[in-house]
C-alpha atoms as a PDB file:
ATOM      1  CA  UNK A   1     120.362  46.944 180.252  1.00  0.00           C
ATOM      2  CA  UNK A   2     120.557  45.110 176.999  1.00  0.00           C
ATOM      3  CA  UNK A   3     118.220  42.140 176.462  1.00  0.00           C
ATOM      4  CA  UNK A   4     119.218  38.955 174.762  1.00  0.00           C
ATOM      5  CA  UNK A   5     117.665  39.962 171.494  1.00  0.00           C
ATOM      6  CA  UNK A   6     119.643  43.130 171.504  1.00  0.00           C
ATOM      7  CA  UNK A   7     116.566  45.205 172.550  1.00  0.00           C
ATOM      8  CA  UNK A   8     116.884  47.937 175.174  1.00  0.00           C
ATOM      9  CA  UNK A   9     114.441  48.669 178.082  1.00  0.00           C
ATOM     10  CA  UNK A  10     113.096  51.425 175.942  1.00  0.00           C
ATOM     11  CA  UNK A  11     111.894  48.894 173.336  1.00  0.00           C
ATOM     12  CA  UNK A  12     110.741  46.464 176.011  1.00  0.00           C
ATOM     13  CA  UNK A  13     108.641  49.102 177.833  1.00  0.00           C
ATOM     14  CA  UNK A  14     107.319  51.050 174.815  1.00  0.00           C
ATOM     15  CA  UNK A  15     107.439  48.546 172.123  1.00  0.00           C
ATOM     16  CA  UNK A  16     109.804  48.408 169.132  1.00  0.00           C
ATOM     17  CA  UNK A  17     107.296  49.546 166.483  1.00  0.00           C
ATOM     18  CA  UNK A  18     105.955  52.478 168.577  1.00  0.00           C
ATOM     19  CA  UNK A  19     109.431  53.664 169.424  1.00  0.00           C
ATOM     20  CA  UNK A  20     110.536  53.440 165.808  1.00  0.00           C
ATOM     21  CA  UNK A  21     107.479  55.385 164.862  1.00  0.00           C
ATOM     22  CA  UNK A  22     108.460  58.197 167.232  1.00  0.00           C
ATOM     23  CA  UNK A  23     112.056  58.405 166.232  1.00  0.00           C
ATOM     24  CA  UNK A  24     112.418  56.588 162.786  1.00  0.00           C
ATOM     25  CA  UNK A  25     115.369  54.766 164.407  1.00  0.00           C
ATOM     26  CA  UNK A  26     116.020  51.645 166.458  1.00  0.00           C
ATOM     27  CA  UNK A  27     117.240  51.883 170.046  1.00  0.00           C
ATOM     28  CA  UNK A  28     120.756  50.452 170.340  1.00  0.00           C
ATOM     29  CA  UNK A  29     122.022  49.801 173.922  1.00  0.00           C
ATOM     30  CA  UNK A  30     125.032  51.873 173.076  1.00  0.00           C
ATOM     31  CA  UNK A  31     122.916  55.029 172.700  1.00  0.00           C
ATOM     32  CA  UNK A  32     122.828  57.594 175.455  1.00  0.00           C
ATOM     33  CA  UNK A  33     119.253  57.212 176.599  1.00  0.00           C
ATOM     34  CA  UNK A  34     119.439  53.420 177.585  1.00  0.00           C
ATOM     35  CA  UNK A  35     122.628  54.267 179.478  1.00  0.00           C
ATOM     36  CA  UNK A  36     120.893  57.090 181.360  1.00  0.00           C
ATOM     37  CA  UNK A  37     117.905  54.917 182.089  1.00  0.00           C
ATOM     38  CA  UNK A  38     120.261  52.308 183.472  1.00  0.00           C
ATOM     39  CA  UNK A  39     121.929  54.921 185.613  1.00  0.00           C
ATOM     40  CA  UNK A  40     118.619  56.141 186.903  1.00  0.00           C
ATOM     41  CA  UNK A  41     117.608  52.618 187.934  1.00  0.00           C
ATOM     42  CA  UNK A  42     120.991  51.381 189.276  1.00  0.00           C
ATOM     43  CA  UNK A  43     122.738  54.643 190.490  1.00  0.00           C
ATOM     44  CA  UNK A  44     119.913  57.014 191.445  1.00  0.00           C
ATOM     45  CA  UNK A  45     122.180  59.301 193.533  1.00  0.00           C
ATOM     46  CA  UNK A  46     124.544  59.941 190.623  1.00  0.00           C
ATOM     47  CA  UNK A  47     121.627  60.257 188.180  1.00  0.00           C
ATOM     48  CA  UNK A  48     120.093  63.027 190.353  1.00  0.00           C
ATOM     49  CA  UNK A  49     123.373  64.957 190.033  1.00  0.00           C
ATOM     50  CA  UNK A  50     123.051  65.231 186.201  1.00  0.00           C
ATOM     51  CA  UNK A  51     122.098  68.740 185.105  1.00  0.00           C
ATOM     52  CA  UNK A  52     122.934  68.540 181.362  1.00  0.00           C
ATOM     53  CA  UNK A  53     123.864  65.633 179.046  1.00  0.00           C
ATOM     54  CA  UNK A  54     125.921  66.336 175.980  1.00  0.00           C
ATOM     55  CA  UNK A  55     127.504  64.141 173.370  1.00  0.00           C
ATOM     56  CA  UNK A  56     131.172  64.756 172.631  1.00  0.00           C
ATOM     57  CA  UNK A  57     130.474  66.876 169.665  1.00  0.00           C
ATOM     58  CA  UNK A  58     127.845  68.880 171.538  1.00  0.00           C
ATOM     59  CA  UNK A  59     130.379  69.626 174.301  1.00  0.00           C
ATOM     60  CA  UNK A  60     132.892  70.894 171.780  1.00  0.00           C
ATOM     61  CA  UNK A  61     130.139  73.153 170.302  1.00  0.00           C
ATOM     62  CA  UNK A  62     129.256  74.313 173.766  1.00  0.00           C
ATOM     63  CA  UNK A  63     132.877  75.229 174.507  1.00  0.00           C
ATOM     64  CA  UNK A  64     133.119  77.290 171.406  1.00  0.00           C
ATOM     65  CA  UNK A  65     129.702  78.948 171.492  1.00  0.00           C
ATOM     66  CA  UNK A  66     128.373  78.668 175.024  1.00  0.00           C
ATOM     67  CA  UNK A  67     125.124  77.212 173.484  1.00  0.00           C
ATOM     68  CA  UNK A  68     123.755  73.845 174.684  1.00  0.00           C
ATOM     69  CA  UNK A  69     122.368  72.211 171.585  1.00  0.00           C
ATOM     70  CA  UNK A  70     122.461  68.973 169.436  1.00  0.00           C
ATOM     71  CA  UNK A  71     121.930  67.906 165.874  1.00  0.00           C
ATOM     72  CA  UNK A  72     118.507  66.488 165.023  1.00  0.00           C
ATOM     73  CA  UNK A  73     120.099  63.208 163.786  1.00  0.00           C
ATOM     74  CA  UNK A  74     121.998  62.743 166.973  1.00  0.00           C
ATOM     75  CA  UNK A  75     118.912  63.439 169.013  1.00  0.00           C
ATOM     76  CA  UNK A  76     117.075  60.806 167.049  1.00  0.00           C
ATOM     77  CA  UNK A  77     119.769  58.265 167.448  1.00  0.00           C
ATOM     78  CA  UNK A  78     119.977  58.739 171.170  1.00  0.00           C
ATOM     79  CA  UNK A  79     116.303  58.665 171.676  1.00  0.00           C
ATOM     80  CA  UNK A  80     115.931  62.001 173.322  1.00  0.00           C
END
């Protein structure tokens, strides 16, 4: 998923400047969206089974409140 220069497919397909303009953040390969895109491309059956995606802190919040939500900064970092 990660290209030699450290760019992700998000950056390769959309363009680094345009992606940064949308999110004000760079797309690291360790973020959730590049991983999900990899899964969509390489493991489509498993990808189709995904109903909700939560970061660890979002899952804890969900368990306490029953609400699916995330922080704006986490959403920006993960390129939602």
